[in-house]
Protein backbone atom coordinates (compact mmCIF):
# COMPACT_ATOMS: atom_id res chain seq x y z
CA MET A 1 -10.95 5.68 21.76
CA LYS A 2 -9.29 5.93 24.92
CA LYS A 3 -8.13 1.75 24.96
CA ILE A 4 -6.46 3.24 21.39
CA PHE A 5 -4.27 6.09 23.63
CA ILE A 6 -3.84 4.03 25.95
CA PHE A 7 -2.53 0.91 24.27
CA ALA A 8 -0.33 3.40 21.75
CA ALA A 9 0.88 5.42 25.46
CA CYS A 10 2.78 2.11 26.55
CA ALA A 11 3.58 0.64 22.90
CA GLY A 12 6.31 3.02 22.34
CA LEU A 13 7.53 2.48 25.88
CA LEU A 14 9.18 -1.25 24.90
CA LEU A 15 10.91 -0.65 21.19
CA SER A 16 14.38 0.87 20.97
CA SER A 17 16.54 0.55 18.27
CA CYS A 18 19.88 -0.48 16.48
CA ASN A 19 20.81 1.52 13.31
CA ASP A 20 21.16 -0.91 10.28
CA PHE A 21 17.76 -2.39 11.03
CA LEU A 22 14.84 -0.78 12.77
CA LYS A 23 14.63 -3.61 15.86
CA GLU A 24 12.49 -4.20 18.41
CA GLU A 25 13.12 -5.20 21.44
CA THR A 26 12.35 -4.60 25.45
CA ASP A 27 13.94 -1.18 27.11
CA SER A 28 13.09 -0.57 30.68
CA ILE A 29 9.67 0.14 30.89
CA LEU A 30 9.86 3.94 31.87
CA THR A 31 6.60 5.81 33.07
CA GLY A 32 5.81 9.26 34.51
CA LYS A 33 8.60 11.19 35.10
CA ASP A 34 11.36 9.20 33.85
CA PHE A 35 9.62 8.78 30.26
CA ASN A 36 10.40 11.15 27.54
CA LYS A 37 13.42 11.87 29.16
CA THR A 38 16.42 10.55 26.53
CA ASP A 39 17.46 9.66 23.28
CA ASN A 40 16.09 5.99 23.34
CA HIS A 41 13.15 7.03 24.77
CA PHE A 42 12.05 9.22 21.63
CA LEU A 43 14.27 7.09 19.52
CA GLY A 44 11.93 3.87 20.67
CA GLN A 45 9.16 5.87 19.58
CA VAL A 46 10.15 6.79 16.54
CA ASN A 47 10.68 3.12 15.65
CA TYR A 48 7.55 2.12 16.51
CA LEU A 49 6.32 3.85 13.97
CA TYR A 50 7.77 2.33 10.91
CA ARG A 51 6.31 -1.16 11.71
CA ASN A 52 2.47 0.48 13.10
CA GLY A 53 -0.09 1.76 11.35
CA SER A 54 -1.01 2.93 8.10
CA ILE A 55 2.15 1.06 6.76
CA GLU A 56 0.41 -1.75 8.32
CA GLU A 57 -2.46 -1.90 6.01
CA TYR A 58 -0.31 -2.52 2.59
CA SER A 59 2.67 -5.11 3.84
CA SER A 60 1.14 -6.69 6.72
CA ALA A 61 0.59 -10.69 6.02
CA GLY A 62 -0.77 -11.87 9.91
CA SER A 63 -3.56 -14.05 8.59
CA ALA A 64 -2.72 -17.16 5.60
CA TYR A 65 -6.10 -16.10 4.86
CA ILE A 66 -6.71 -12.44 4.29
CA GLY A 67 -4.55 -10.09 2.82
CA PRO A 68 -3.62 -6.59 3.97
CA PHE A 69 -6.10 -3.69 4.33
CA ALA A 70 -5.41 -2.42 1.40
CA SER A 71 -5.77 -5.41 -0.35
CA VAL A 72 -9.79 -5.35 0.56
CA THR A 73 -10.31 -1.94 -0.39
CA ALA A 74 -8.86 -3.25 -4.02
CA MET A 75 -11.81 -5.38 -4.04
CA LEU A 76 -14.31 -3.04 -4.24
CA THR A 77 -13.38 -2.33 -7.87
CA GLY A 78 -14.36 -5.92 -8.61
CA TYR A 79 -11.79 -7.22 -10.37
CA PHE A 80 -10.06 -9.02 -7.74
CA ARG A 81 -10.70 -11.17 -4.96
CA ASN A 82 -9.90 -13.30 -2.24
CA SER A 83 -10.21 -16.94 -3.32
CA TYR A 84 -11.06 -17.75 0.68
CA GLU A 85 -13.95 -14.78 0.70
CA GLY A 86 -16.24 -17.66 1.67
CA GLN A 87 -14.72 -17.50 5.24
CA GLU A 88 -13.33 -13.63 5.07
CA ASN A 89 -16.96 -11.75 4.01
CA VAL A 90 -15.83 -8.91 4.33
CA CYS A 91 -13.58 -9.45 1.24
CA GLN A 92 -16.91 -10.34 -0.80
CA TYR A 93 -18.55 -7.68 0.81
CA ALA A 94 -16.65 -5.32 -0.55
CA ARG A 95 -15.90 -6.89 -3.79
CA GLU A 96 -19.98 -6.83 -4.46
CA LEU A 97 -20.30 -3.64 -2.94
CA GLU A 98 -22.59 -4.91 0.31
CA ARG A 99 -21.42 -3.18 2.89
CA GLN A 100 -23.93 -1.32 3.64
CA GLY A 101 -26.16 -4.33 4.86
CA GLN A 102 -23.12 -5.80 6.31
CA THR A 103 -22.01 -3.41 9.10
CA ASN A 104 -22.02 -5.49 11.94
CA ASN A 105 -20.14 -7.78 10.15
CA VAL A 106 -17.66 -5.41 8.90
CA SER A 107 -16.98 -3.92 12.71
CA GLY A 108 -14.04 -5.88 13.97
CA THR A 109 -12.20 -5.37 10.65
CA MET A 110 -12.58 -1.61 11.30
CA ASP A 111 -11.81 -1.66 14.44
CA GLY A 112 -8.10 -2.93 13.24
CA VAL A 113 -7.41 0.22 10.97
CA TRP A 114 -9.05 2.66 13.04
CA ASP A 115 -6.87 1.35 16.44
CA ASN A 116 -3.60 0.86 14.30
CA CYS A 117 -3.98 4.34 12.59
CA TYR A 118 -4.44 6.58 16.21
CA ASP A 119 -1.84 3.95 17.68
CA ALA A 120 0.61 5.97 15.91
CA ILE A 121 -0.66 8.59 15.97
CA ASN A 122 -0.63 8.92 19.55
CA VAL A 123 2.61 7.74 19.96
CA ALA A 124 3.95 10.32 16.89
CA ASN A 125 2.19 12.90 18.86
CA SER A 126 4.32 11.87 22.29
CA VAL A 127 7.58 12.50 20.35
CA ILE A 128 6.00 15.63 19.07
CA ASN A 129 4.40 17.15 22.31
CA ASN A 130 7.19 16.28 24.68
CA ILE A 131 10.93 16.60 22.98
CA ALA A 132 10.69 20.61 23.74
CA ASN A 133 10.57 19.32 27.19
CA PRO A 134 14.63 21.02 28.42
CA GLU A 135 15.12 17.94 30.83
CA VAL A 136 15.48 16.29 27.38
CA ALA A 137 18.78 14.95 27.10
CA VAL A 138 18.83 14.58 23.74
CA VAL A 139 20.86 16.67 21.78
CA ALA A 140 19.19 19.43 18.67
CA ALA A 141 20.16 17.80 15.84
CA ASN A 142 18.59 14.79 16.93
CA LYS A 143 15.41 15.77 18.18
CA GLU A 144 14.91 17.97 14.34
CA GLN A 145 14.87 14.16 12.87
CA TYR A 146 12.91 12.45 15.45
CA ILE A 147 10.50 15.20 15.64
CA ALA A 148 10.37 15.40 11.40
CA GLU A 149 10.03 11.48 11.45
CA ALA A 150 7.24 11.72 13.63
CA LYS A 151 5.10 14.14 11.41
CA PHE A 152 5.61 12.21 8.73
CA PHE A 153 4.51 8.93 10.62
CA ARG A 154 1.47 11.29 11.32
CA ALA A 155 0.55 12.63 8.00
CA GLN A 156 0.49 9.11 6.83
CA ASN A 157 -1.41 7.82 9.65
CA TYR A 158 -4.03 10.85 8.72
CA PHE A 159 -4.33 10.23 5.12
CA TYR A 160 -4.66 6.67 5.15
CA LEU A 161 -8.04 7.26 7.44
CA VAL A 162 -9.28 9.87 5.36
CA LYS A 163 -9.07 8.10 2.41
CA THR A 164 -11.30 5.30 4.47
CA PHE A 165 -13.70 7.01 6.65
CA GLY A 166 -13.70 10.82 5.61
CA ASP A 167 -14.08 13.01 8.31
CA VAL A 168 -12.25 11.72 11.33
CA PRO A 169 -11.30 13.24 14.66
CA LEU A 170 -7.81 14.84 14.75
CA SER A 171 -6.00 15.14 17.37
CA MET A 172 -2.23 16.67 17.86
CA THR A 173 -1.99 15.37 21.36
CA ALA A 174 -0.87 12.17 23.17
CA TYR A 175 -3.22 10.63 25.48
CA SER A 176 -1.18 8.67 28.31
CA SER A 177 -4.53 8.45 30.92
CA ALA A 178 -7.48 7.15 30.85
CA ASP A 179 -9.18 10.15 32.68
CA ASP A 180 -7.96 11.88 29.31
CA ASP A 181 -10.34 13.75 27.06
CA MET A 182 -10.96 12.17 24.52
CA MET A 183 -14.40 11.95 23.21
CA LEU A 184 -13.78 14.25 19.74
CA PRO A 185 -16.21 14.49 17.32
CA ARG A 186 -15.31 14.15 13.44
CA THR A 187 -13.03 16.76 11.72
CA ALA A 188 -13.47 17.79 8.59
CA LYS A 189 -11.53 16.23 5.51
CA ALA A 190 -10.81 19.58 4.29
CA GLU A 191 -8.97 20.48 7.59
CA VAL A 192 -7.18 17.56 8.79
CA MET A 193 -5.79 16.93 5.28
CA LYS A 194 -3.90 20.76 5.67
CA GLN A 195 -2.59 19.13 8.60
CA VAL A 196 -1.59 16.25 6.72
CA VAL A 197 0.43 18.43 4.15
CA GLN A 198 1.89 20.92 6.49
CA ASP A 199 3.61 17.53 8.38
CA LEU A 200 5.03 16.37 5.31
CA LYS A 201 6.49 20.02 4.28
CA ASP A 202 7.98 20.09 7.86
CA ALA A 203 9.53 16.59 7.47
CA VAL A 204 10.46 17.57 3.61
CA SER A 205 12.41 20.72 4.98
CA VAL A 206 14.61 18.94 8.08
CA LEU A 207 14.70 15.46 6.97
CA LYS A 208 18.36 14.45 5.15
CA ALA A 209 18.04 14.74 1.04
CA ASP A 210 18.81 10.77 0.54
CA THR A 211 17.53 7.62 -0.38
CA TRP A 212 16.30 5.57 2.32
CA GLN A 213 19.04 3.23 2.00
CA ASN A 214 21.31 5.82 2.02
CA ALA A 215 19.68 6.49 5.54
CA LYS A 216 20.03 3.01 6.79
CA HIS A 217 16.82 2.76 6.24
CA ARG A 218 14.93 5.84 7.59
CA ILE A 219 12.71 8.55 6.45
CA THR A 220 14.70 11.00 4.42
CA LYS A 221 13.53 14.15 2.15
CA TYR A 222 12.70 12.41 -0.94
CA VAL A 223 10.20 9.69 0.82
CA ALA A 224 8.52 12.40 2.41
CA GLU A 225 8.31 14.38 -0.90
CA MET A 226 6.92 10.89 -2.23
CA ALA A 227 4.67 10.81 -0.16
CA LEU A 228 3.70 14.85 -0.17
CA THR A 229 3.40 13.79 -4.05
CA ASP A 230 0.78 10.96 -3.12
CA VAL A 231 -1.14 13.40 -1.07
CA TYR A 232 -1.25 15.96 -3.43
CA MET A 233 -2.18 13.88 -6.57
CA TYR A 234 -5.31 12.61 -4.58
CA GLN A 235 -6.22 16.22 -4.12
CA GLY A 236 -5.88 17.15 -7.67
CA ASP A 237 -2.85 19.71 -6.47
CA TYR A 238 -1.51 19.05 -10.00
CA THR A 239 0.64 22.20 -9.53
CA ASN A 240 2.58 20.64 -6.07
CA ALA A 241 2.63 17.53 -7.10
CA ALA A 242 4.47 17.70 -9.96
CA ALA A 243 6.96 20.09 -8.49
CA MET A 244 7.33 17.38 -5.76
CA ALA A 245 7.91 14.52 -8.41
CA GLN A 246 10.50 16.41 -10.59
CA ASP A 247 12.56 17.25 -7.58
CA ILE A 248 12.80 13.61 -6.79
CA ILE A 249 13.53 13.31 -10.55
CA ASN A 250 16.48 16.02 -11.29
CA SER A 251 17.92 14.95 -7.18
CA GLY A 252 19.32 11.78 -9.60
CA LYS A 253 19.13 9.51 -7.22
CA TYR A 254 16.89 6.95 -8.31
CA GLN A 255 16.37 5.31 -11.87
CA LEU A 256 14.21 2.47 -12.75
CA THR A 257 14.97 -0.77 -12.44
CA GLU A 258 16.69 -2.59 -16.43
CA ASN A 259 15.69 -5.83 -17.71
CA SER A 260 18.86 -8.30 -18.19
CA ASP A 261 16.72 -10.56 -19.95
CA ARG A 262 12.82 -10.98 -20.59
CA THR A 263 11.95 -14.20 -18.17
CA LEU A 264 13.58 -14.08 -14.78
CA GLY A 265 16.30 -11.76 -15.18
CA SER A 266 13.49 -8.87 -15.73
CA ALA A 267 12.56 -5.98 -13.78
CA TYR A 268 9.82 -7.05 -12.49
CA ASN A 269 11.83 -10.30 -11.14
CA LYS A 270 14.08 -8.52 -9.52
CA LEU A 271 11.65 -6.16 -7.67
CA ARG A 272 10.31 -9.62 -6.49
CA THR A 273 13.23 -10.82 -5.23
CA THR A 274 15.86 -8.33 -4.71
CA ASP A 275 15.97 -5.31 -1.38
CA ASP A 276 17.02 -1.83 -2.05
CA LEU A 277 17.41 -1.53 -5.63
CA PRO A 278 17.74 1.85 -7.04
CA GLU A 279 13.98 2.52 -7.73
CA VAL A 280 12.43 1.56 -4.03
CA ILE A 281 11.65 4.85 -3.10
CA TYR A 282 10.35 3.56 0.85
CA ALA A 283 9.69 -0.50 1.74
CA GLN A 284 9.14 -2.32 4.67
CA GLU A 285 11.77 -3.93 5.86
CA PHE A 286 11.67 -7.99 6.89
CA ASP A 287 14.05 -10.15 7.49
CA ASN A 288 14.50 -13.79 8.77
CA THR A 289 14.90 -12.74 12.48
CA ILE A 290 13.60 -9.86 13.82
CA ALA A 291 10.51 -9.11 10.85
CA THR A 292 9.79 -11.96 8.76
CA SER A 293 7.01 -10.97 5.52
CA GLY A 294 4.79 -13.45 7.24
CA TRP A 295 2.49 -15.34 5.02
CA TRP A 296 3.00 -12.81 1.98
CA PRO A 297 4.92 -15.75 -0.08
CA THR A 298 2.47 -17.77 -0.14
CA TYR A 299 -0.21 -15.26 -1.56
CA ALA A 300 0.98 -16.03 -4.61
CA PHE A 301 -1.29 -19.85 -5.28
CA THR A 302 -4.56 -20.98 -4.75
CA SER A 303 -5.18 -23.67 -2.14
CA SER A 304 -4.46 -26.17 -4.90
CA ALA A 305 -0.52 -25.89 -4.48
CA THR A 306 -0.48 -26.02 -0.67
CA GLY A 307 1.08 -29.52 -1.54
CA THR A 308 3.84 -28.08 -4.23
CA PHE A 309 5.16 -27.07 -1.20
CA ASN A 310 6.16 -28.33 2.42
CA LYS A 311 7.66 -25.69 4.02
CA TYR A 312 3.81 -23.66 4.75
CA ALA A 313 0.94 -25.76 5.48
CA ILE A 314 -1.55 -23.02 3.90
CA THR A 315 -1.52 -21.72 0.58
CA GLU A 316 -4.26 -18.79 -0.41
CA ARG A 317 -3.99 -16.60 -2.92
CA VAL A 318 -5.99 -14.11 -0.50
CA PHE A 319 -5.55 -11.20 -3.15
CA GLY A 320 -5.66 -11.70 -7.30
CA PRO A 321 -7.23 -10.60 -10.21
CA TYR A 322 -10.07 -12.44 -12.62
CA GLY A 323 -8.85 -12.93 -15.58
CA ARG A 324 -10.16 -10.22 -17.28
CA TYR A 325 -8.19 -7.60 -15.64
CA LEU A 326 -5.01 -9.41 -17.66
CA ASN A 327 -6.58 -8.00 -21.02
CA ILE A 328 -4.93 -4.20 -19.51
CA TYR A 329 -1.82 -5.99 -20.80
CA THR A 330 -1.16 -6.23 -25.22
CA ALA A 331 0.58 -9.35 -26.27
CA ASP A 332 3.59 -7.48 -26.04
CA ASP A 333 3.84 -5.85 -22.84
CA LEU A 334 6.62 -8.01 -20.20
CA ARG A 335 4.36 -7.57 -17.37
CA GLY A 336 1.27 -9.27 -18.22
CA GLN A 337 3.86 -12.46 -19.97
CA GLU A 338 4.18 -15.41 -17.70
CA LYS A 339 5.96 -15.39 -14.37
CA GLN A 340 6.85 -11.70 -14.68
CA PHE A 341 3.54 -10.40 -12.62
CA PHE A 342 1.83 -13.84 -12.63
CA ALA A 343 2.17 -17.62 -13.13
CA THR A 344 0.33 -20.34 -14.79
CA SER A 345 2.78 -22.83 -13.49
CA TYR A 346 5.71 -23.74 -10.78
CA THR A 347 7.91 -26.62 -10.04
CA ASN A 348 9.36 -26.82 -6.66
CA VAL A 349 12.40 -28.70 -7.59
CA ASN A 350 13.45 -28.68 -3.91
CA TYR A 351 10.26 -30.80 -2.40
CA GLU A 352 11.60 -33.24 -0.61
CA LYS A 353 10.16 -36.88 0.72
CA ASP A 354 11.58 -38.92 3.16
CA GLY A 355 14.80 -37.31 3.29
CA LYS A 356 14.32 -37.57 -1.01
CA LYS A 357 13.94 -35.00 -3.99
CA GLU A 358 10.64 -35.44 -5.14
CA PRO A 359 9.96 -32.94 -7.53
CA LYS A 360 6.03 -31.46 -7.67
CA THR A 361 4.22 -29.01 -10.08
CA TRP A 362 1.84 -26.62 -9.64
CA THR A 363 -1.02 -26.19 -12.37
CA MET A 364 -3.38 -22.48 -11.90
CA PRO A 365 -6.80 -24.47 -12.19
CA THR A 366 -9.09 -23.77 -14.54
CA GLN A 367 -12.88 -23.88 -15.26
CA GLN A 368 -13.97 -27.33 -17.47
CA GLY A 369 -14.96 -26.65 -20.77
CA VAL A 370 -13.46 -22.89 -20.37
CA ALA A 371 -11.62 -22.24 -23.53
CA ASN A 372 -7.34 -20.52 -23.29
CA THR A 373 -8.62 -17.78 -24.84
CA ASP A 374 -11.45 -16.96 -22.61
CA PRO A 375 -10.29 -14.73 -19.69
CA ALA A 376 -12.01 -16.57 -17.71
CA TYR A 377 -9.37 -19.74 -18.12
CA TYR A 378 -7.00 -17.12 -15.88
CA ASP A 379 -9.51 -16.43 -12.83
CA GLN A 380 -7.43 -18.58 -11.26
CA ILE A 381 -3.64 -17.58 -11.88
CA GLY A 382 -0.56 -17.24 -9.77
CA CYS A 383 0.19 -13.76 -8.09
CA TRP A 384 4.31 -14.27 -9.01
CA TYR A 385 4.63 -10.79 -7.78
CA TYR A 386 4.15 -12.33 -3.79
CA PHE A 387 6.44 -15.77 -4.45
CA ASP A 388 9.66 -15.97 -2.42
CA GLN A 389 11.51 -18.52 -3.70
CA ASN A 390 14.27 -19.58 -0.92
CA ALA A 391 11.04 -19.18 1.73
CA MET A 392 8.46 -21.41 0.51
CA GLU A 393 11.34 -24.17 -0.75
CA ILE A 394 14.10 -23.93 1.82
CA THR A 395 12.91 -21.76 4.97
CA GLY A 396 9.66 -21.46 5.69
CA ARG A 397 10.40 -17.68 6.28
CA GLY A 398 9.68 -14.62 3.72
CA THR A 399 12.53 -12.01 4.18
CA LYS A 400 11.44 -9.69 1.07
CA ASP A 401 10.56 -6.33 1.04
CA TRP A 402 7.69 -4.79 0.80
CA ASN A 403 7.84 -2.32 -1.31
CA ILE A 404 5.64 1.07 -0.44
CA TYR A 405 6.56 3.20 -3.10
CA ARG A 406 8.78 2.64 -6.35
CA TYR A 407 9.96 5.49 -8.67
CA ALA A 408 7.80 3.76 -11.32
CA GLU A 409 5.19 5.49 -9.76
CA THR A 410 7.35 9.04 -9.35
CA LEU A 411 7.82 9.40 -13.03
CA LEU A 412 3.82 8.50 -13.93
CA ASP A 413 2.93 10.59 -11.43
CA ALA A 414 5.09 13.81 -13.03
CA ALA A 415 3.68 12.83 -16.30
CA GLU A 416 0.16 13.09 -15.15
CA ALA A 417 0.36 16.10 -13.33
CA ILE A 418 2.22 17.73 -15.71
CA ALA A 419 0.10 17.07 -18.35
CA GLN A 420 -3.10 17.94 -15.93
CA THR A 421 -1.33 21.90 -16.09
CA THR A 422 0.88 22.38 -18.76
CA GLY A 423 -0.37 19.71 -21.36
CA VAL A 424 1.19 17.00 -23.33
CA THR A 425 4.92 18.33 -23.07
CA ALA A 426 8.25 16.50 -24.68
CA GLU A 427 9.45 16.06 -20.95
CA ALA A 428 5.89 14.60 -19.54
CA ALA A 429 5.83 12.05 -22.57
CA GLY A 430 9.45 10.78 -21.59
CA TYR A 431 8.45 10.12 -18.29
CA LEU A 432 5.14 7.54 -19.40
CA ALA A 433 7.43 6.81 -21.66
CA GLN A 434 10.41 5.64 -19.63
CA VAL A 435 8.13 3.05 -17.59
CA GLN A 436 6.28 2.20 -21.18
CA SER A 437 9.92 1.16 -22.24
CA ARG A 438 10.63 -1.18 -19.97
CA ALA A 439 7.83 -2.90 -20.95
CA LEU A 440 7.55 -3.21 -24.57
CA GLY A 441 11.30 -3.06 -25.05
CA LYS A 442 10.71 0.02 -27.37
CA SER A 443 13.27 2.95 -27.17
CA VAL A 444 12.65 5.69 -24.91
CA ALA A 445 12.25 8.27 -27.54
CA GLN A 446 10.27 6.45 -30.01
CA LEU A 447 7.55 6.44 -27.57
CA THR A 448 7.85 9.93 -26.37
CA SER A 449 7.55 10.52 -30.01
CA SER A 450 3.83 8.62 -30.14
CA LEU A 451 2.39 9.64 -27.10
CA GLN A 452 2.89 13.46 -27.82
CA SER A 453 1.06 13.11 -30.68
CA LEU A 454 -1.90 11.96 -27.75
CA SER A 455 -4.67 14.72 -26.88
CA LYS A 456 -4.45 16.00 -23.46
CA GLN A 457 -7.11 13.65 -22.33
CA ALA A 458 -5.72 11.15 -23.62
CA PHE A 459 -3.00 11.00 -21.88
CA ILE A 460 -4.02 11.63 -18.56
CA GLU A 461 -6.13 8.40 -19.24
CA ALA A 462 -3.04 6.49 -20.39
CA CYS A 463 -1.10 7.47 -17.70
CA TRP A 464 -4.24 5.75 -15.60
CA THR A 465 -3.54 2.92 -17.75
CA GLU A 466 0.29 2.72 -17.32
CA ARG A 467 -0.77 2.48 -13.47
CA LEU A 468 -3.06 -0.50 -13.89
CA ARG A 469 -0.25 -2.17 -15.77
CA GLU A 470 2.77 -0.92 -13.56
CA PHE A 471 0.98 -1.61 -9.87
CA PRO A 472 -1.73 -4.93 -10.14
CA LEU A 473 -0.68 -6.00 -7.28
CA GLU A 474 0.26 -3.39 -4.82
CA PHE A 475 -2.70 -1.96 -4.22
CA LYS A 476 -3.17 1.47 -6.18
CA ILE A 477 -6.36 0.72 -8.30
CA TRP A 478 -9.25 2.29 -5.40
CA ASP A 479 -7.14 4.97 -4.70
CA ASP A 480 -7.27 6.38 -8.31
CA CYS A 481 -10.40 5.57 -8.79
CA VAL A 482 -11.40 8.21 -5.88
CA ARG A 483 -8.78 10.81 -6.82
CA THR A 484 -10.55 11.10 -10.51
CA GLY A 485 -13.97 10.11 -9.83
CA LYS A 486 -13.82 7.45 -12.84
CA PHE A 487 -13.39 3.72 -12.92
CA PRO A 488 -11.33 1.56 -15.61
CA VAL A 489 -14.04 -0.53 -18.02
CA ILE A 490 -11.35 -2.87 -18.93
CA ASP A 491 -12.24 -4.76 -22.57
CA THR A 492 -13.43 -8.13 -22.73
CA ALA A 493 -10.68 -8.98 -25.75
CA MET A 494 -8.01 -10.94 -24.52
CA HIS A 495 -4.58 -8.84 -24.78
CA SER A 496 -6.79 -6.13 -26.26
CA GLY A 497 -4.89 -3.58 -23.82
CA LYS A 498 -8.17 -1.11 -24.17
CA VAL A 499 -9.21 0.51 -21.14
CA THR A 500 -12.02 2.93 -20.30
CA TYR A 501 -12.73 5.50 -18.37
CA VAL A 502 -16.34 5.93 -17.41
CA ASP A 503 -17.57 7.98 -13.93
CA LEU A 504 -17.66 5.94 -11.22
CA ILE A 505 -20.70 6.81 -9.80
CA GLY A 506 -23.20 4.54 -11.68
CA ALA A 507 -20.27 2.27 -13.11
CA THR A 508 -20.66 -0.96 -12.62
CA ASN A 509 -17.76 -3.01 -10.91
CA GLY A 510 -15.75 -6.13 -12.53
CA SER A 511 -18.04 -8.09 -10.55
CA GLY A 512 -21.12 -6.59 -11.57
CA ALA A 513 -22.06 -4.28 -8.75
CA VAL A 514 -23.17 -0.73 -9.23
CA PHE A 515 -21.21 1.94 -7.50
CA LYS A 516 -22.99 4.19 -5.40
CA GLN A 517 -21.77 7.27 -3.33
CA THR A 518 -21.64 5.42 -0.06
CA ASP A 519 -19.06 3.22 -1.82
CA LEU A 520 -16.17 5.28 -1.50
CA LEU A 521 -16.26 5.23 2.22
CA TRP A 522 -15.88 2.38 4.81
CA PRO A 523 -18.35 2.65 8.04
CA ILE A 524 -16.41 3.70 10.88
CA SER A 525 -16.46 1.13 13.72
CA LEU A 526 -20.15 0.44 15.78
CA ASN A 527 -18.00 -0.30 18.62
CA GLU A 528 -16.32 2.80 18.25
CA ILE A 529 -19.41 4.42 17.66
CA GLN A 530 -20.84 2.76 21.26
CA ARG A 531 -16.96 3.89 23.31
CA ASN A 532 -17.54 7.40 21.59
CA PRO A 533 -20.93 9.03 21.51
CA ASN A 534 -19.52 12.06 19.07
CA LEU A 535 -19.18 10.05 16.29
CA THR A 536 -21.32 10.28 13.85
CA GLN A 537 -21.79 7.28 11.19
CA ASN A 538 -21.04 7.95 7.30
CA GLU A 539 -23.78 7.68 5.16
CA GLY A 540 -26.28 3.96 4.19
CA TYR A 541 -24.01 2.45 6.98
CA GLN A 542 -25.60 0.98 10.33
CA LYS A 543 -25.28 3.58 13.29
CA SER A 544 -25.47 1.32 15.89
CA ASN A 545 -25.20 -2.65 17.02
CA SER A 546 -29.67 -2.28 17.50
CA GLY A 547 -29.30 -1.81 13.48
CA SER A 548 -30.76 1.83 13.24
């Protein structure tokens, strides 16, 4: 792990900030006794955490051919694929549950995840370890803020590592020299998660009780509470999950985005196009100068759309569903309709050739002889949620923020957590009804009454199904499978809206592969094991480059 920590210690020196955007620019490169002494030194390190580490595994679109790692993990369900998986083999190995025999081939990908998270952890540790030094010229209020933000990000990175690898080394020390002893063994998952919870609770106790938007896009109490809700749900601690989610709801600071109409003015199109909506609890910021969204706009369509746009050289659907996944939506569910989350065609009226506008139309590719009543007809449907029209047609620079936590998730977490602990109360049913109401166009009262008639288990499964419908392209599905121990078997009939839940281990995924216990975790990179002899490999995976 030496290269990880040395890089991270240096990386934090290169960043400073501005109040309205987490700007990255070079400051003086200060080392040794001159570093970690001023407000800017610590603010620069904290700002580094906003753009590096586990958040990149959800928001980074640095490649035209493969999305962020969280998208690859979601492919384990077999319901999603990368259209370019012939080159990006890790996607195919995930979808077909073949990673155990391909440890060497996926090691490079796992190196990136491991390095990114531990880079961020080391920078967070640098802030936490050093800011208490009496020689530090930082006012007390800023010290508390920086420590709280650093703890938030340290928790998020350890949480992501645990979900990916299971037991991982728990380091609470900032490393800055190759002479430091960094050959740490794996720490039990329970101990790591205990630290995750404590870090987030510490952050909640200090951070401002406001929205991320009002706090100039800095982490606030409610962002930390949403992260803590996520952690408690993952641990099956539904009592504490409910309490955290209810505090966010009762703050009155968030609301679901409303439909102006049920076409391009829908809530889902607003979420696609508009930043800083009151529904957004936390997002990764992008703009057209400091940090664009990379290749995100091109992920909306398969390569068949390349000729429809001329601001990007490549389009590739790096993460998209098989048609069967769309059966989670009934015909009246807005989310499953054209140009909400998905699209079958699009006309670019701004396409220019030789200085003249020449509209170009993309139409979803289909298999010859497959009827449009067959789910397979939609196997290459466009992922409209990723589409940034201005970027694709005018600027070639994506600016839409990537939403990490939305209020819809808070409501669904609260509904399930209350049902898990108290039963199907009016409160729980009301929270689920709010999310359904926006999609179905029915009143909250009507839906609440109907939901209250469900058994406890049926209601909990309704919450799980609603998550599938609400976050199809936000990479939530695999975490839900692991935390519940259940796999969603989506009906083969179009628009049935039916999902049944079976035990995850032994279930057949959407691509026909059967889940094994070893599929729950990814392998630790063989390079990491070679560098650190105290690391052990996850069960079922190759232990060394020799194949043993």
